[in-house]
Each structure stands twice: as structure tokens, then as C-alpha cells.
PDB file of all heavy atoms in Angstrom:
ATOM      1  N   PHE A   1     -23.165  30.037 -60.577  1.00  0.00           N
ATOM      2  CA  PHE A   1     -23.227  30.161 -62.037  1.00  0.00           C
ATOM      3  C   PHE A   1     -21.864  29.888 -62.646  1.00  0.00           C
ATOM      4  O   PHE A   1     -21.744  29.090 -63.582  1.00  0.00           O
ATOM      5  CB  PHE A   1     -23.715  31.556 -62.439  1.00  0.00           C
ATOM      6  CG  PHE A   1     -23.715  31.750 -63.940  1.00  0.00           C
ATOM      7  CD1 PHE A   1     -24.764  31.260 -64.703  1.00  0.00           C
ATOM      8  CD2 PHE A   1     -22.669  32.398 -64.573  1.00  0.00           C
ATOM      9  CE1 PHE A   1     -24.764  31.419 -66.079  1.00  0.00           C
ATOM     10  CE2 PHE A   1     -22.666  32.559 -65.949  1.00  0.00           C
ATOM     11  CZ  PHE A   1     -23.717  32.074 -66.714  1.00  0.00           C
ATOM     12  N   PHE A   2     -20.837  30.529 -62.108  1.00  0.00           N
ATOM     13  CA  PHE A   2     -19.487  30.326 -62.639  1.00  0.00           C
ATOM     14  C   PHE A   2     -19.043  28.873 -62.505  1.00  0.00           C
ATOM     15  O   PHE A   2     -18.405  28.316 -63.394  1.00  0.00           O
ATOM     16  CB  PHE A   2     -18.474  31.228 -61.937  1.00  0.00           C
ATOM     17  CG  PHE A   2     -18.697  32.698 -62.145  1.00  0.00           C
ATOM     18  CD1 PHE A   2     -18.323  33.597 -61.169  1.00  0.00           C
ATOM     19  CD2 PHE A   2     -19.295  33.189 -63.288  1.00  0.00           C
ATOM     20  CE1 PHE A   2     -18.528  34.960 -61.345  1.00  0.00           C
ATOM     21  CE2 PHE A   2     -19.506  34.550 -63.479  1.00  0.00           C
ATOM     22  CZ  PHE A   2     -19.113  35.442 -62.500  1.00  0.00           C
ATOM     23  N   ALA A   3     -19.356  28.251 -61.370  1.00  0.00           N
ATOM     24  CA  ALA A   3     -18.916  26.881 -61.102  1.00  0.00           C
ATOM     25  C   ALA A   3     -19.764  25.842 -61.829  1.00  0.00           C
ATOM     26  O   ALA A   3     -19.263  24.771 -62.152  1.00  0.00           O
ATOM     27  CB  ALA A   3     -18.955  26.603 -59.596  1.00  0.00           C
ATOM     28  N   GLY A   4     -21.024  26.160 -62.089  1.00  0.00           N
ATOM     29  CA  GLY A   4     -21.915  25.119 -62.562  1.00  0.00           C
ATOM     30  C   GLY A   4     -22.507  25.247 -63.938  1.00  0.00           C
ATOM     31  O   GLY A   4     -22.849  24.228 -64.549  1.00  0.00           O
ATOM     32  N   PHE A   5     -22.632  26.436 -64.463  1.00  0.00           N
ATOM     33  CA  PHE A   5     -23.407  26.548 -65.698  1.00  0.00           C
ATOM     34  C   PHE A   5     -22.615  26.343 -66.979  1.00  0.00           C
ATOM     35  O   PHE A   5     -22.982  25.476 -67.786  1.00  0.00           O
ATOM     36  CB  PHE A   5     -24.166  27.883 -65.756  1.00  0.00           C
ATOM     37  CG  PHE A   5     -25.062  27.965 -66.955  1.00  0.00           C
ATOM     38  CD1 PHE A   5     -26.282  27.310 -66.957  1.00  0.00           C
ATOM     39  CD2 PHE A   5     -24.657  28.642 -68.087  1.00  0.00           C
ATOM     40  CE1 PHE A   5     -27.099  27.348 -68.077  1.00  0.00           C
ATOM     41  CE2 PHE A   5     -25.471  28.689 -69.212  1.00  0.00           C
ATOM     42  CZ  PHE A   5     -26.693  28.044 -69.201  1.00  0.00           C
ATOM     43  N   PRO A   6     -21.550  27.106 -67.255  1.00  0.00           N
ATOM     44  CA  PRO A   6     -20.945  27.033 -68.596  1.00  0.00           C
ATOM     45  C   PRO A   6     -20.487  25.633 -69.006  1.00  0.00           C
ATOM     46  O   PRO A   6     -20.826  25.157 -70.096  1.00  0.00           O
ATOM     47  CB  PRO A   6     -19.757  28.002 -68.518  1.00  0.00           C
ATOM     48  CG  PRO A   6     -20.124  28.946 -67.420  1.00  0.00           C
ATOM     49  CD  PRO A   6     -20.898  28.124 -66.426  1.00  0.00           C
ATOM     50  N   GLU A   7     -19.733  24.974 -68.154  1.00  0.00           N
ATOM     51  CA  GLU A   7     -19.224  23.639 -68.499  1.00  0.00           C
ATOM     52  C   GLU A   7     -20.355  22.634 -68.661  1.00  0.00           C
ATOM     53  O   GLU A   7     -20.328  21.799 -69.566  1.00  0.00           O
ATOM     54  CB  GLU A   7     -18.255  23.159 -67.419  1.00  0.00           C
ATOM     55  CG  GLU A   7     -17.711  21.772 -67.667  1.00  0.00           C
ATOM     56  CD  GLU A   7     -16.861  21.662 -68.942  1.00  0.00           C
ATOM     57  OE1 GLU A   7     -16.299  22.680 -69.384  1.00  0.00           O
ATOM     58  OE2 GLU A   7     -16.781  20.546 -69.480  1.00  0.00           O
ATOM     59  N   ASN A   8     -21.359  22.719 -67.816  1.00  0.00           N
ATOM     60  CA  ASN A   8     -22.448  21.749 -67.912  1.00  0.00           C
ATOM     61  C   ASN A   8     -23.399  22.048 -69.060  1.00  0.00           C
ATOM     62  O   ASN A   8     -24.009  21.136 -69.609  1.00  0.00           O
ATOM     63  CB  ASN A   8     -23.166  21.633 -66.573  1.00  0.00           C
ATOM     64  CG  ASN A   8     -22.258  20.938 -65.581  1.00  0.00           C
ATOM     65  OD1 ASN A   8     -21.784  19.844 -65.850  1.00  0.00           O
ATOM     66  ND2 ASN A   8     -21.976  21.585 -64.477  1.00  0.00           N
ATOM     67  N   PHE A   9     -23.495  23.290 -69.462  1.00  0.00           N
ATOM     68  CA  PHE A   9     -24.231  23.622 -70.686  1.00  0.00           C
ATOM     69  C   PHE A   9     -23.522  22.979 -71.879  1.00  0.00           C
ATOM     70  O   PHE A   9     -24.168  22.375 -72.747  1.00  0.00           O
ATOM     71  CB  PHE A   9     -24.329  25.141 -70.848  1.00  0.00           C
ATOM     72  CG  PHE A   9     -24.943  25.556 -72.153  1.00  0.00           C
ATOM     73  CD1 PHE A   9     -26.280  25.295 -72.421  1.00  0.00           C
ATOM     74  CD2 PHE A   9     -24.186  26.190 -73.116  1.00  0.00           C
ATOM     75  CE1 PHE A   9     -26.850  25.674 -73.630  1.00  0.00           C
ATOM     76  CE2 PHE A   9     -24.748  26.573 -74.321  1.00  0.00           C
ATOM     77  CZ  PHE A   9     -26.079  26.315 -74.585  1.00  0.00           C
ATOM     78  N   ALA A  10     -22.203  23.084 -71.907  1.00  0.00           N
ATOM     79  CA  ALA A  10     -21.433  22.454 -72.983  1.00  0.00           C
ATOM     80  C   ALA A  10     -21.589  20.932 -72.943  1.00  0.00           C
ATOM     81  O   ALA A  10     -21.751  20.290 -73.992  1.00  0.00           O
ATOM     82  CB  ALA A  10     -19.957  22.840 -72.875  1.00  0.00           C
ATOM     83  N   GLN A  11     -21.546  20.343 -71.742  1.00  0.00           N
ATOM     84  CA  GLN A  11     -21.719  18.895 -71.619  1.00  0.00           C
ATOM     85  C   GLN A  11     -23.100  18.462 -72.121  1.00  0.00           C
ATOM     86  O   GLN A  11     -23.219  17.453 -72.822  1.00  0.00           O
ATOM     87  CB  GLN A  11     -21.534  18.449 -70.167  1.00  0.00           C
ATOM     88  CG  GLN A  11     -20.126  18.534 -69.666  1.00  0.00           C
ATOM     89  CD  GLN A  11     -19.210  17.532 -70.332  1.00  0.00           C
ATOM     90  OE1 GLN A  11     -19.622  16.483 -70.795  1.00  0.00           O
ATOM     91  NE2 GLN A  11     -17.938  17.883 -70.389  1.00  0.00           N
ATOM     92  N   ALA A  12     -24.126  19.217 -71.759  1.00  0.00           N
ATOM     93  CA  ALA A  12     -25.483  18.873 -72.195  1.00  0.00           C
ATOM     94  C   ALA A  12     -25.614  18.999 -73.716  1.00  0.00           C
ATOM     95  O   ALA A  12     -26.380  18.268 -74.341  1.00  0.00           O
ATOM     96  CB  ALA A  12     -26.503  19.760 -71.498  1.00  0.00           C
ATOM     97  N   THR A  13     -24.846  19.914 -74.283  1.00  0.00           N
ATOM     98  CA  THR A  13     -24.910  20.143 -75.721  1.00  0.00           C
ATOM     99  C   THR A  13     -24.131  19.096 -76.510  1.00  0.00           C
ATOM    100  O   THR A  13     -24.619  18.590 -77.520  1.00  0.00           O
ATOM    101  CB  THR A  13     -24.361  21.544 -76.051  1.00  0.00           C
ATOM    102  OG1 THR A  13     -25.132  22.516 -75.340  1.00  0.00           O
ATOM    103  CG2 THR A  13     -24.441  21.833 -77.541  1.00  0.00           C
ATOM    104  N   TRP A  14     -22.939  18.752 -76.055  1.00  0.00           N
ATOM    105  CA  TRP A  14     -22.024  17.940 -76.865  1.00  0.00           C
ATOM    106  C   TRP A  14     -21.780  16.527 -76.366  1.00  0.00           C
ATOM    107  O   TRP A  14     -21.285  15.686 -77.118  1.00  0.00           O
ATOM    108  CB  TRP A  14     -20.675  18.652 -76.986  1.00  0.00           C
ATOM    109  CG  TRP A  14     -20.794  19.920 -77.764  1.00  0.00           C
ATOM    110  CD1 TRP A  14     -20.841  21.186 -77.265  1.00  0.00           C
ATOM    111  CD2 TRP A  14     -20.910  20.051 -79.177  1.00  0.00           C
ATOM    112  NE1 TRP A  14     -20.979  22.100 -78.281  1.00  0.00           N
ATOM    113  CE2 TRP A  14     -21.025  21.417 -79.477  1.00  0.00           C
ATOM    114  CE3 TRP A  14     -20.944  19.144 -80.226  1.00  0.00           C
ATOM    115  CZ2 TRP A  14     -21.146  21.915 -80.762  1.00  0.00           C
ATOM    116  CZ3 TRP A  14     -21.057  19.631 -81.525  1.00  0.00           C
ATOM    117  CH2 TRP A  14     -21.159  21.000 -81.771  1.00  0.00           C
ATOM    118  N   SER A  15     -22.068  16.230 -75.139  1.00  0.00           N
ATOM    119  CA  SER A  15     -21.758  14.913 -74.588  1.00  0.00           C
ATOM    120  C   SER A  15     -22.836  13.907 -74.960  1.00  0.00           C
ATOM    121  O   SER A  15     -24.019  14.252 -75.094  1.00  0.00           O
ATOM    122  CB  SER A  15     -21.642  15.007 -73.064  1.00  0.00           C
ATOM    123  OG  SER A  15     -21.392  13.741 -72.517  1.00  0.00           O
ATOM    124  N   ALA A  16     -22.431  12.656 -75.086  1.00  0.00           N
ATOM    125  CA  ALA A  16     -23.379  11.595 -75.421  1.00  0.00           C
ATOM    126  C   ALA A  16     -24.134  11.073 -74.198  1.00  0.00           C
ATOM    127  O   ALA A  16     -25.044  10.266 -74.342  1.00  0.00           O
ATOM    128  CB  ALA A  16     -22.635  10.438 -76.098  1.00  0.00           C
ATOM    129  N   VAL A  17     -23.778  11.540 -72.994  1.00  0.00           N
ATOM    130  CA  VAL A  17     -24.467  11.058 -71.793  1.00  0.00           C
ATOM    131  C   VAL A  17     -25.853  11.687 -71.682  1.00  0.00           C
ATOM    132  O   VAL A  17     -26.138  12.724 -72.284  1.00  0.00           O
ATOM    133  CB  VAL A  17     -23.655  11.337 -70.502  1.00  0.00           C
ATOM    134  CG1 VAL A  17     -22.310  10.636 -70.544  1.00  0.00           C
ATOM    135  CG2 VAL A  17     -23.490  12.812 -70.243  1.00  0.00           C
ATOM    136  N   ASP A  18     -26.681  11.045 -70.901  1.00  0.00           N
ATOM    137  CA  ASP A  18     -28.027  11.546 -70.607  1.00  0.00           C
ATOM    138  C   ASP A  18     -27.929  12.991 -70.106  1.00  0.00           C
ATOM    139  O   ASP A  18     -27.096  13.308 -69.263  1.00  0.00           O
ATOM    140  CB  ASP A  18     -28.630  10.630 -69.531  1.00  0.00           C
ATOM    141  CG  ASP A  18     -30.033  11.002 -69.104  1.00  0.00           C
ATOM    142  OD1 ASP A  18     -30.572  12.024 -69.556  1.00  0.00           O
ATOM    143  OD2 ASP A  18     -30.592  10.244 -68.291  1.00  0.00           O
ATOM    144  N   ARG A  19     -28.774  13.866 -70.619  1.00  0.00           N
ATOM    145  CA  ARG A  19     -28.722  15.283 -70.202  1.00  0.00           C
ATOM    146  C   ARG A  19     -29.020  15.485 -68.734  1.00  0.00           C
ATOM    147  O   ARG A  19     -28.726  16.530 -68.173  1.00  0.00           O
ATOM    148  CB  ARG A  19     -29.682  16.129 -71.050  1.00  0.00           C
ATOM    149  CG  ARG A  19     -29.138  16.388 -72.433  1.00  0.00           C
ATOM    150  CD  ARG A  19     -29.974  17.370 -73.176  1.00  0.00           C
ATOM    151  NE  ARG A  19     -31.316  16.831 -73.364  1.00  0.00           N
ATOM    152  CZ  ARG A  19     -32.303  17.480 -73.945  1.00  0.00           C
ATOM    153  NH1 ARG A  19     -32.125  18.692 -74.383  1.00  0.00           N
ATOM    154  NH2 ARG A  19     -33.481  16.923 -74.080  1.00  0.00           N
ATOM    155  N   ALA A  20     -29.590  14.497 -68.080  1.00  0.00           N
ATOM    156  CA  ALA A  20     -29.839  14.614 -66.640  1.00  0.00           C
ATOM    157  C   ALA A  20     -28.526  14.692 -65.859  1.00  0.00           C
ATOM    158  O   ALA A  20     -28.500  15.270 -64.773  1.00  0.00           O
ATOM    159  CB  ALA A  20     -30.687  13.454 -66.141  1.00  0.00           C
ATOM    160  N   LEU A  21     -27.458  14.112 -66.379  1.00  0.00           N
ATOM    161  CA  LEU A  21     -26.173  14.202 -65.674  1.00  0.00           C
ATOM    162  C   LEU A  21     -25.658  15.635 -65.636  1.00  0.00           C
ATOM    163  O   LEU A  21     -25.405  16.162 -64.552  1.00  0.00           O
ATOM    164  CB  LEU A  21     -25.142  13.248 -66.296  1.00  0.00           C
ATOM    165  CG  LEU A  21     -25.304  11.793 -65.883  1.00  0.00           C
ATOM    166  CD1 LEU A  21     -24.431  10.880 -66.730  1.00  0.00           C
ATOM    167  CD2 LEU A  21     -24.975  11.618 -64.415  1.00  0.00           C
ATOM    168  N   PRO A  22     -25.498  16.317 -66.783  1.00  0.00           N
ATOM    169  CA  PRO A  22     -25.055  17.709 -66.684  1.00  0.00           C
ATOM    170  C   PRO A  22     -26.043  18.596 -65.924  1.00  0.00           C
ATOM    171  O   PRO A  22     -25.632  19.522 -65.222  1.00  0.00           O
ATOM    172  CB  PRO A  22     -24.909  18.172 -68.131  1.00  0.00           C
ATOM    173  CG  PRO A  22     -25.022  16.978 -68.974  1.00  0.00           C
ATOM    174  CD  PRO A  22     -25.546  15.856 -68.152  1.00  0.00           C
ATOM    175  N   PHE A  23     -27.323  18.306 -66.025  1.00  0.00           N
ATOM    176  CA  PHE A  23     -28.301  19.063 -65.240  1.00  0.00           C
ATOM    177  C   PHE A  23     -28.048  18.854 -63.750  1.00  0.00           C
ATOM    178  O   PHE A  23     -28.033  19.812 -62.969  1.00  0.00           O
ATOM    179  CB  PHE A  23     -29.726  18.643 -65.600  1.00  0.00           C
ATOM    180  CG  PHE A  23     -30.760  19.280 -64.717  1.00  0.00           C
ATOM    181  CD1 PHE A  23     -31.096  20.615 -64.891  1.00  0.00           C
ATOM    182  CD2 PHE A  23     -31.371  18.568 -63.697  1.00  0.00           C
ATOM    183  CE1 PHE A  23     -32.035  21.220 -64.060  1.00  0.00           C
ATOM    184  CE2 PHE A  23     -32.308  19.160 -62.866  1.00  0.00           C
ATOM    185  CZ  PHE A  23     -32.639  20.489 -63.055  1.00  0.00           C
ATOM    186  N   GLY A  24     -27.848  17.607 -63.344  1.00  0.00           N
ATOM    187  CA  GLY A  24     -27.558  17.315 -61.938  1.00  0.00           C
ATOM    188  C   GLY A  24     -26.278  17.975 -61.483  1.00  0.00           C
ATOM    189  O   GLY A  24     -26.208  18.547 -60.391  1.00  0.00           O
ATOM    190  N   TRP A  25     -25.247  17.930 -62.318  1.00  0.00           N
ATOM    191  CA  TRP A  25     -23.972  18.575 -61.968  1.00  0.00           C
ATOM    192  C   TRP A  25     -24.161  20.081 -61.816  1.00  0.00           C
ATOM    193  O   TRP A  25     -23.594  20.704 -60.936  1.00  0.00           O
ATOM    194  CB  TRP A  25     -22.915  18.286 -63.021  1.00  0.00           C
ATOM    195  CG  TRP A  25     -22.605  16.839 -63.237  1.00  0.00           C
ATOM    196  CD1 TRP A  25     -22.687  15.832 -62.313  1.00  0.00           C
ATOM    197  CD2 TRP A  25     -22.171  16.245 -64.450  1.00  0.00           C
ATOM    198  NE1 TRP A  25     -22.331  14.639 -62.890  1.00  0.00           N
ATOM    199  CE2 TRP A  25     -22.002  14.857 -64.204  1.00  0.00           C
ATOM    200  CE3 TRP A  25     -21.909  16.722 -65.732  1.00  0.00           C
ATOM    201  CZ2 TRP A  25     -21.573  13.971 -65.181  1.00  0.00           C
ATOM    202  CZ3 TRP A  25     -21.482  15.837 -66.709  1.00  0.00           C
ATOM    203  CH2 TRP A  25     -21.312  14.479 -66.430  1.00  0.00           C
ATOM    204  N   MET A  26     -24.959  20.657 -62.719  1.00  0.00           N
ATOM    205  CA  MET A  26     -25.184  22.103 -62.663  1.00  0.00           C
ATOM    206  C   MET A  26     -25.912  22.499 -61.380  1.00  0.00           C
ATOM    207  O   MET A  26     -25.484  23.417 -60.685  1.00  0.00           O
ATOM    208  CB  MET A  26     -25.983  22.581 -63.872  1.00  0.00           C
ATOM    209  CG  MET A  26     -26.233  24.083 -63.855  1.00  0.00           C
ATOM    210  SD  MET A  26     -27.474  24.630 -65.029  1.00  0.00           S
ATOM    211  CE  MET A  26     -28.946  23.881 -64.406  1.00  0.00           C
TER     212      MET A  26
END
């Protein structure tokens, strides 16, 4: 959770990339 969730939640929210990328990273 610490390594994968907060930053990738922010990426999914604010980044222009496909949300599948932050989901995959998470």
C-alpha cells in the first residue's frame, strides 16, 4: 500500500496517460 497506492492514485487522477498504467504500477 505504501509503495503502490498513494502515488499511483495521484497519477490516475492527474496524469494524461491511460489509467491502466497507474493501475498496473499499483
